Full PDB file with SEQRES, HELIX, SHEET, SSBOND, CRYST1, ORIGX, SCALE, CONECT and MASTER records, all heavy atoms in Angstrom:
SEQRES   1 A   34  PRO LEU GLU GLY GLU ASP THR ASP ALA VAL GLN ALA GLN          
SEQRES   2 A   34  ALA ILE LEU LEU ALA MET ALA GLY ALA LEU CYS ALA VAL          
SEQRES   3 A   34  VAL ALA LEU CYS VAL ALA LEU PHE                              
HELIX    1 AA1 THR A    7  LEU A   33  1                                  27    
CRYST1    1.000    1.000    1.000  90.00  90.00  90.00 P 1           1          
ORIGX1      1.000000  0.000000  0.000000        0.00000                         
ORIGX2      0.000000  1.000000  0.000000        0.00000                         
ORIGX3      0.000000  0.000000  1.000000        0.00000                         
SCALE1      1.000000  0.000000  0.000000        0.00000                         
SCALE2      0.000000  1.000000  0.000000        0.00000                         
SCALE3      0.000000  0.000000  1.000000        0.00000                         
ATOM      1  N   PRO A   1      -0.781 -15.190  -8.791  1.00  0.00           N  
ATOM      2  CA  PRO A   1      -0.409 -16.481  -9.381  1.00  0.00           C  
ATOM      3  C   PRO A   1      -1.515 -17.099 -10.232  1.00  0.00           C  
ATOM      4  O   PRO A   1      -1.242 -17.865 -11.128  1.00  0.00           O  
ATOM      5  CB  PRO A   1      -0.112 -17.358  -8.159  1.00  0.00           C  
ATOM      6  CG  PRO A   1       0.161 -16.411  -7.046  1.00  0.00           C  
ATOM      7  CD  PRO A   1      -0.672 -15.215  -7.340  1.00  0.00           C  
ATOM      8  N   LEU A   2      -2.750 -16.749  -9.985  1.00  0.00           N  
ATOM      9  CA  LEU A   2      -3.852 -17.352 -10.722  1.00  0.00           C  
ATOM     10  C   LEU A   2      -3.936 -16.844 -12.156  1.00  0.00           C  
ATOM     11  O   LEU A   2      -4.376 -17.547 -13.040  1.00  0.00           O  
ATOM     12  CB  LEU A   2      -5.176 -17.070  -9.999  1.00  0.00           C  
ATOM     13  CG  LEU A   2      -5.272 -17.625  -8.579  1.00  0.00           C  
ATOM     14  CD1 LEU A   2      -6.586 -17.195  -7.942  1.00  0.00           C  
ATOM     15  CD2 LEU A   2      -5.152 -19.130  -8.582  1.00  0.00           C  
ATOM     16  N   GLU A   3      -3.503 -15.629 -12.405  1.00  0.00           N  
ATOM     17  CA  GLU A   3      -3.633 -15.042 -13.732  1.00  0.00           C  
ATOM     18  C   GLU A   3      -2.346 -15.120 -14.545  1.00  0.00           C  
ATOM     19  O   GLU A   3      -2.312 -14.653 -15.663  1.00  0.00           O  
ATOM     20  CB  GLU A   3      -4.076 -13.578 -13.595  1.00  0.00           C  
ATOM     21  CG  GLU A   3      -5.451 -13.442 -12.995  1.00  0.00           C  
ATOM     22  CD  GLU A   3      -5.877 -11.999 -12.853  1.00  0.00           C  
ATOM     23  OE1 GLU A   3      -5.142 -11.111 -13.308  1.00  0.00           O  
ATOM     24  OE2 GLU A   3      -6.946 -11.767 -12.288  1.00  0.00           O  
ATOM     25  N   GLY A   4      -1.301 -15.671 -14.006  1.00  0.00           N  
ATOM     26  CA  GLY A   4      -0.059 -15.813 -14.736  1.00  0.00           C  
ATOM     27  C   GLY A   4       0.710 -14.523 -14.935  1.00  0.00           C  
ATOM     28  O   GLY A   4       1.498 -14.397 -15.862  1.00  0.00           O  
ATOM     29  N   GLU A   5       0.492 -13.561 -14.089  1.00  0.00           N  
ATOM     30  CA  GLU A   5       1.191 -12.292 -14.204  1.00  0.00           C  
ATOM     31  C   GLU A   5       2.605 -12.411 -13.642  1.00  0.00           C  
ATOM     32  O   GLU A   5       2.951 -13.384 -12.983  1.00  0.00           O  
ATOM     33  CB  GLU A   5       0.441 -11.205 -13.434  1.00  0.00           C  
ATOM     34  CG  GLU A   5      -0.910 -10.882 -14.020  1.00  0.00           C  
ATOM     35  CD  GLU A   5      -1.662  -9.888 -13.167  1.00  0.00           C  
ATOM     36  OE1 GLU A   5      -1.521  -9.929 -11.950  1.00  0.00           O  
ATOM     37  OE2 GLU A   5      -2.378  -9.089 -13.754  1.00  0.00           O  
ATOM     38  N   ASP A   6       3.386 -11.401 -13.921  1.00  0.00           N  
ATOM     39  CA  ASP A   6       4.736 -11.330 -13.361  1.00  0.00           C  
ATOM     40  C   ASP A   6       4.612 -11.095 -11.863  1.00  0.00           C  
ATOM     41  O   ASP A   6       4.123 -10.052 -11.424  1.00  0.00           O  
ATOM     42  CB  ASP A   6       5.500 -10.185 -14.030  1.00  0.00           C  
ATOM     43  CG  ASP A   6       6.921 -10.070 -13.521  1.00  0.00           C  
ATOM     44  OD1 ASP A   6       7.425 -11.037 -12.926  1.00  0.00           O  
ATOM     45  OD2 ASP A   6       7.518  -8.998 -13.716  1.00  0.00           O  
ATOM     46  N   THR A   7       5.030 -12.066 -11.066  1.00  0.00           N  
ATOM     47  CA  THR A   7       4.823 -11.971  -9.624  1.00  0.00           C  
ATOM     48  C   THR A   7       5.647 -10.861  -8.988  1.00  0.00           C  
ATOM     49  O   THR A   7       5.215 -10.243  -8.022  1.00  0.00           O  
ATOM     50  CB  THR A   7       5.139 -13.303  -8.938  1.00  0.00           C  
ATOM     51  OG1 THR A   7       6.472 -13.698  -9.271  1.00  0.00           O  
ATOM     52  CG2 THR A   7       4.177 -14.379  -9.375  1.00  0.00           C  
ATOM     53  N   ASP A   8       6.830 -10.578  -9.527  1.00  0.00           N  
ATOM     54  CA  ASP A   8       7.652  -9.506  -8.952  1.00  0.00           C  
ATOM     55  C   ASP A   8       6.981  -8.148  -9.125  1.00  0.00           C  
ATOM     56  O   ASP A   8       6.966  -7.330  -8.205  1.00  0.00           O  
ATOM     57  CB  ASP A   8       9.039  -9.480  -9.599  1.00  0.00           C  
ATOM     58  CG  ASP A   8       9.876 -10.688  -9.223  1.00  0.00           C  
ATOM     59  OD1 ASP A   8       9.588 -11.317  -8.179  1.00  0.00           O  
ATOM     60  OD2 ASP A   8      10.810 -11.003  -9.978  1.00  0.00           O  
ATOM     61  N   ALA A   9       6.420  -7.913 -10.297  1.00  0.00           N  
ATOM     62  CA  ALA A   9       5.751  -6.631 -10.542  1.00  0.00           C  
ATOM     63  C   ALA A   9       4.508  -6.490  -9.673  1.00  0.00           C  
ATOM     64  O   ALA A   9       4.232  -5.411  -9.141  1.00  0.00           O  
ATOM     65  CB  ALA A   9       5.382  -6.501 -12.009  1.00  0.00           C  
ATOM     66  N   VAL A  10       3.765  -7.568  -9.506  1.00  0.00           N  
ATOM     67  CA  VAL A  10       2.550  -7.508  -8.694  1.00  0.00           C  
ATOM     68  C   VAL A  10       2.903  -7.316  -7.226  1.00  0.00           C  
ATOM     69  O   VAL A  10       2.242  -6.563  -6.512  1.00  0.00           O  
ATOM     70  CB  VAL A  10       1.705  -8.783  -8.905  1.00  0.00           C  
ATOM     71  CG1 VAL A  10       0.534  -8.823  -7.946  1.00  0.00           C  
ATOM     72  CG2 VAL A  10       1.210  -8.839 -10.327  1.00  0.00           C  
ATOM     73  N   GLN A  11       3.972  -7.972  -6.772  1.00  0.00           N  
ATOM     74  CA  GLN A  11       4.406  -7.792  -5.386  1.00  0.00           C  
ATOM     75  C   GLN A  11       4.864  -6.358  -5.140  1.00  0.00           C  
ATOM     76  O   GLN A  11       4.554  -5.775  -4.103  1.00  0.00           O  
ATOM     77  CB  GLN A  11       5.512  -8.767  -5.037  1.00  0.00           C  
ATOM     78  CG  GLN A  11       5.033 -10.182  -4.851  1.00  0.00           C  
ATOM     79  CD  GLN A  11       6.164 -11.149  -4.563  1.00  0.00           C  
ATOM     80  OE1 GLN A  11       7.328 -10.779  -4.625  1.00  0.00           O  
ATOM     81  NE2 GLN A  11       5.822 -12.379  -4.258  1.00  0.00           N  
ATOM     82  N   ALA A  12       5.566  -5.785  -6.094  1.00  0.00           N  
ATOM     83  CA  ALA A  12       6.014  -4.402  -5.943  1.00  0.00           C  
ATOM     84  C   ALA A  12       4.810  -3.464  -5.896  1.00  0.00           C  
ATOM     85  O   ALA A  12       4.769  -2.532  -5.082  1.00  0.00           O  
ATOM     86  CB  ALA A  12       6.940  -4.021  -7.086  1.00  0.00           C  
ATOM     87  N   GLN A  13       3.834  -3.699  -6.741  1.00  0.00           N  
ATOM     88  CA  GLN A  13       2.632  -2.871  -6.734  1.00  0.00           C  
ATOM     89  C   GLN A  13       1.878  -3.025  -5.419  1.00  0.00           C  
ATOM     90  O   GLN A  13       1.389  -2.043  -4.855  1.00  0.00           O  
ATOM     91  CB  GLN A  13       1.729  -3.252  -7.896  1.00  0.00           C  
ATOM     92  CG  GLN A  13       0.442  -2.456  -7.935  1.00  0.00           C  
ATOM     93  CD  GLN A  13      -0.507  -2.935  -9.020  1.00  0.00           C  
ATOM     94  OE1 GLN A  13      -0.247  -3.930  -9.677  1.00  0.00           O  
ATOM     95  NE2 GLN A  13      -1.599  -2.247  -9.183  1.00  0.00           N  
ATOM     96  N   ALA A  14       1.784  -4.245  -4.918  1.00  0.00           N  
ATOM     97  CA  ALA A  14       1.074  -4.472  -3.663  1.00  0.00           C  
ATOM     98  C   ALA A  14       1.792  -3.811  -2.491  1.00  0.00           C  
ATOM     99  O   ALA A  14       1.151  -3.262  -1.595  1.00  0.00           O  
ATOM    100  CB  ALA A  14       0.917  -5.972  -3.417  1.00  0.00           C  
ATOM    101  N   ILE A  15       3.111  -3.837  -2.509  1.00  0.00           N  
ATOM    102  CA  ILE A  15       3.872  -3.179  -1.446  1.00  0.00           C  
ATOM    103  C   ILE A  15       3.648  -1.675  -1.488  1.00  0.00           C  
ATOM    104  O   ILE A  15       3.451  -1.028  -0.452  1.00  0.00           O  
ATOM    105  CB  ILE A  15       5.366  -3.541  -1.556  1.00  0.00           C  
ATOM    106  CG1 ILE A  15       5.573  -5.003  -1.162  1.00  0.00           C  
ATOM    107  CG2 ILE A  15       6.223  -2.627  -0.686  1.00  0.00           C  
ATOM    108  CD1 ILE A  15       6.949  -5.527  -1.472  1.00  0.00           C  
ATOM    109  N   LEU A  16       3.647  -1.102  -2.689  1.00  0.00           N  
ATOM    110  CA  LEU A  16       3.380   0.331  -2.814  1.00  0.00           C  
ATOM    111  C   LEU A  16       1.963   0.679  -2.353  1.00  0.00           C  
ATOM    112  O   LEU A  16       1.745   1.702  -1.708  1.00  0.00           O  
ATOM    113  CB  LEU A  16       3.598   0.793  -4.249  1.00  0.00           C  
ATOM    114  CG  LEU A  16       5.053   0.859  -4.708  1.00  0.00           C  
ATOM    115  CD1 LEU A  16       5.122   1.203  -6.185  1.00  0.00           C  
ATOM    116  CD2 LEU A  16       5.814   1.882  -3.887  1.00  0.00           C  
ATOM    117  N   LEU A  17       0.997  -0.166  -2.685  1.00  0.00           N  
ATOM    118  CA  LEU A  17      -0.369   0.070  -2.224  1.00  0.00           C  
ATOM    119  C   LEU A  17      -0.456   0.005  -0.703  1.00  0.00           C  
ATOM    120  O   LEU A  17      -1.127   0.827  -0.073  1.00  0.00           O  
ATOM    121  CB  LEU A  17      -1.325  -0.956  -2.839  1.00  0.00           C  
ATOM    122  CG  LEU A  17      -1.798  -0.696  -4.251  1.00  0.00           C  
ATOM    123  CD1 LEU A  17      -2.573  -1.895  -4.770  1.00  0.00           C  
ATOM    124  CD2 LEU A  17      -2.644   0.543  -4.306  1.00  0.00           C  
ATOM    125  N   ALA A  18       0.210  -0.970  -0.102  1.00  0.00           N  
ATOM    126  CA  ALA A  18       0.187  -1.093   1.355  1.00  0.00           C  
ATOM    127  C   ALA A  18       0.842   0.113   2.014  1.00  0.00           C  
ATOM    128  O   ALA A  18       0.350   0.624   3.028  1.00  0.00           O  
ATOM    129  CB  ALA A  18       0.883  -2.380   1.777  1.00  0.00           C  
ATOM    130  N   MET A  19       1.945   0.593   1.441  1.00  0.00           N  
ATOM    131  CA  MET A  19       2.611   1.771   1.996  1.00  0.00           C  
ATOM    132  C   MET A  19       1.725   3.006   1.855  1.00  0.00           C  
ATOM    133  O   MET A  19       1.644   3.833   2.775  1.00  0.00           O  
ATOM    134  CB  MET A  19       3.954   1.980   1.311  1.00  0.00           C  
ATOM    135  CG  MET A  19       4.984   0.938   1.695  1.00  0.00           C  
ATOM    136  SD  MET A  19       6.507   0.974   0.727  1.00  0.00           S  
ATOM    137  CE  MET A  19       6.996   2.655   0.787  1.00  0.00           C  
ATOM    138  N   ALA A  20       1.036   3.145   0.726  1.00  0.00           N  
ATOM    139  CA  ALA A  20       0.144   4.291   0.525  1.00  0.00           C  
ATOM    140  C   ALA A  20      -1.032   4.236   1.501  1.00  0.00           C  
ATOM    141  O   ALA A  20      -1.443   5.269   2.042  1.00  0.00           O  
ATOM    142  CB  ALA A  20      -0.355   4.316  -0.912  1.00  0.00           C  
ATOM    143  N   GLY A  21      -1.549   3.045   1.724  1.00  0.00           N  
ATOM    144  CA  GLY A  21      -2.645   2.901   2.689  1.00  0.00           C  
ATOM    145  C   GLY A  21      -2.218   3.237   4.097  1.00  0.00           C  
ATOM    146  O   GLY A  21      -2.945   3.906   4.841  1.00  0.00           O  
ATOM    147  N   ALA A  22      -1.031   2.791   4.465  1.00  0.00           N  
ATOM    148  CA  ALA A  22      -0.519   3.114   5.798  1.00  0.00           C  
ATOM    149  C   ALA A  22      -0.294   4.617   5.936  1.00  0.00           C  
ATOM    150  O   ALA A  22      -0.578   5.209   6.979  1.00  0.00           O  
ATOM    151  CB  ALA A  22       0.772   2.350   6.052  1.00  0.00           C  
ATOM    152  N   LEU A  23       0.201   5.245   4.877  1.00  0.00           N  
ATOM    153  CA  LEU A  23       0.427   6.687   4.915  1.00  0.00           C  
ATOM    154  C   LEU A  23      -0.893   7.451   5.070  1.00  0.00           C  
ATOM    155  O   LEU A  23      -0.971   8.405   5.852  1.00  0.00           O  
ATOM    156  CB  LEU A  23       1.158   7.137   3.654  1.00  0.00           C  
ATOM    157  CG  LEU A  23       1.506   8.620   3.578  1.00  0.00           C  
ATOM    158  CD1 LEU A  23       2.491   8.992   4.674  1.00  0.00           C  
ATOM    159  CD2 LEU A  23       2.077   8.955   2.221  1.00  0.00           C  
ATOM    160  N   CYS A  24      -1.928   7.013   4.372  1.00  0.00           N  
ATOM    161  CA  CYS A  24      -3.244   7.657   4.521  1.00  0.00           C  
ATOM    162  C   CYS A  24      -3.744   7.549   5.958  1.00  0.00           C  
ATOM    163  O   CYS A  24      -4.238   8.527   6.530  1.00  0.00           O  
ATOM    164  CB  CYS A  24      -4.264   7.007   3.591  1.00  0.00           C  
ATOM    165  SG  CYS A  24      -4.061   7.411   1.867  1.00  0.00           S  
ATOM    166  N   ALA A  25      -3.614   6.375   6.538  1.00  0.00           N  
ATOM    167  CA  ALA A  25      -4.086   6.181   7.906  1.00  0.00           C  
ATOM    168  C   ALA A  25      -3.270   7.004   8.898  1.00  0.00           C  
ATOM    169  O   ALA A  25      -3.821   7.612   9.816  1.00  0.00           O  
ATOM    170  CB  ALA A  25      -4.031   4.703   8.266  1.00  0.00           C  
ATOM    171  N   VAL A  26      -1.964   7.061   8.717  1.00  0.00           N  
ATOM    172  CA  VAL A  26      -1.106   7.822   9.634  1.00  0.00           C  
ATOM    173  C   VAL A  26      -1.390   9.313   9.523  1.00  0.00           C  
ATOM    174  O   VAL A  26      -1.452  10.019  10.532  1.00  0.00           O  
ATOM    175  CB  VAL A  26       0.384   7.500   9.366  1.00  0.00           C  
ATOM    176  CG1 VAL A  26       1.295   8.488  10.063  1.00  0.00           C  
ATOM    177  CG2 VAL A  26       0.698   6.092   9.811  1.00  0.00           C  
ATOM    178  N   VAL A  27      -1.573   9.812   8.317  1.00  0.00           N  
ATOM    179  CA  VAL A  27      -1.894  11.236   8.146  1.00  0.00           C  
ATOM    180  C   VAL A  27      -3.228  11.559   8.809  1.00  0.00           C  
ATOM    181  O   VAL A  27      -3.366  12.596   9.469  1.00  0.00           O  
ATOM    182  CB  VAL A  27      -1.895  11.615   6.650  1.00  0.00           C  
ATOM    183  CG1 VAL A  27      -2.530  12.964   6.427  1.00  0.00           C  
ATOM    184  CG2 VAL A  27      -0.482  11.602   6.110  1.00  0.00           C  
ATOM    185  N   ALA A  28      -4.201  10.672   8.658  1.00  0.00           N  
ATOM    186  CA  ALA A  28      -5.495  10.907   9.296  1.00  0.00           C  
ATOM    187  C   ALA A  28      -5.357  10.925  10.816  1.00  0.00           C  
ATOM    188  O   ALA A  28      -5.970  11.764  11.489  1.00  0.00           O  
ATOM    189  CB  ALA A  28      -6.490   9.842   8.860  1.00  0.00           C  
ATOM    190  N   LEU A  29      -4.557  10.044  11.357  1.00  0.00           N  
ATOM    191  CA  LEU A  29      -4.368  10.030  12.802  1.00  0.00           C  
ATOM    192  C   LEU A  29      -3.589  11.247  13.275  1.00  0.00           C  
ATOM    193  O   LEU A  29      -3.844  11.772  14.361  1.00  0.00           O  
ATOM    194  CB  LEU A  29      -3.686   8.734  13.228  1.00  0.00           C  
ATOM    195  CG  LEU A  29      -4.536   7.473  13.022  1.00  0.00           C  
ATOM    196  CD1 LEU A  29      -3.727   6.223  13.347  1.00  0.00           C  
ATOM    197  CD2 LEU A  29      -5.799   7.528  13.854  1.00  0.00           C  
ATOM    198  N   CYS A  30      -2.657  11.722  12.476  1.00  0.00           N  
ATOM    199  CA  CYS A  30      -1.928  12.949  12.822  1.00  0.00           C  
ATOM    200  C   CYS A  30      -2.867  14.151  12.792  1.00  0.00           C  
ATOM    201  O   CYS A  30      -2.735  15.058  13.618  1.00  0.00           O  
ATOM    202  CB  CYS A  30      -0.754  13.168  11.879  1.00  0.00           C  
ATOM    203  SG  CYS A  30       0.618  12.059  12.184  1.00  0.00           S  
ATOM    204  N   VAL A  31      -3.791  14.161  11.876  1.00  0.00           N  
ATOM    205  CA  VAL A  31      -4.795  15.224  11.845  1.00  0.00           C  
ATOM    206  C   VAL A  31      -5.589  15.209  13.146  1.00  0.00           C  
ATOM    207  O   VAL A  31      -5.872  16.246  13.738  1.00  0.00           O  
ATOM    208  CB  VAL A  31      -5.727  15.081  10.620  1.00  0.00           C  
ATOM    209  CG1 VAL A  31      -6.957  15.953  10.754  1.00  0.00           C  
ATOM    210  CG2 VAL A  31      -4.962  15.425   9.354  1.00  0.00           C  
ATOM    211  N   ALA A  32      -5.919  14.013  13.600  1.00  0.00           N  
ATOM    212  CA  ALA A  32      -6.681  13.906  14.852  1.00  0.00           C  
ATOM    213  C   ALA A  32      -5.870  14.416  16.040  1.00  0.00           C  
ATOM    214  O   ALA A  32      -6.425  15.003  16.969  1.00  0.00           O  
ATOM    215  CB  ALA A  32      -7.079  12.454  15.091  1.00  0.00           C  
ATOM    216  N   LEU A  33      -4.568  14.217  16.016  1.00  0.00           N  
ATOM    217  CA  LEU A  33      -3.743  14.626  17.143  1.00  0.00           C  
ATOM    218  C   LEU A  33      -3.438  16.123  17.138  1.00  0.00           C  
ATOM    219  O   LEU A  33      -3.422  16.752  18.201  1.00  0.00           O  
ATOM    220  CB  LEU A  33      -2.420  13.851  17.143  1.00  0.00           C  
ATOM    221  CG  LEU A  33      -2.500  12.396  17.535  1.00  0.00           C  
ATOM    222  CD1 LEU A  33      -1.137  11.736  17.357  1.00  0.00           C  
ATOM    223  CD2 LEU A  33      -2.964  12.264  18.973  1.00  0.00           C  
ATOM    224  N   PHE A  34      -3.178  16.687  15.966  1.00  0.00           N  
ATOM    225  CA  PHE A  34      -2.625  18.033  15.914  1.00  0.00           C  
ATOM    226  C   PHE A  34      -3.611  19.113  15.505  1.00  0.00           C  
ATOM    227  O   PHE A  34      -3.293  20.286  15.609  1.00  0.00           O  
ATOM    228  CB  PHE A  34      -1.424  18.054  14.978  1.00  0.00           C  
ATOM    229  CG  PHE A  34      -0.300  17.182  15.469  1.00  0.00           C  
ATOM    230  CD1 PHE A  34       0.130  16.117  14.707  1.00  0.00           C  
ATOM    231  CD2 PHE A  34       0.299  17.410  16.684  1.00  0.00           C  
ATOM    232  CE1 PHE A  34       1.165  15.291  15.146  1.00  0.00           C  
ATOM    233  CE2 PHE A  34       1.332  16.603  17.134  1.00  0.00           C  
ATOM    234  CZ  PHE A  34       1.750  15.538  16.368  1.00  0.00           C  
TER     235      PHE A  34                                                      
MASTER        0    0    0    1    0    0    0    6  234    1    0    3          
END                                                                             
C-alpha cells in the first residue's frame, strides 16, 4: 500500500512466495525423515 502498487497482484505474489517457502521447509523436513 505504501508504493501504490496493485494490491491484488502483490497479494498473489506474496501468497505464492509463502507457498514456495512452506514447500521448501516441508521438503527439507521430509529429507530428514526419509
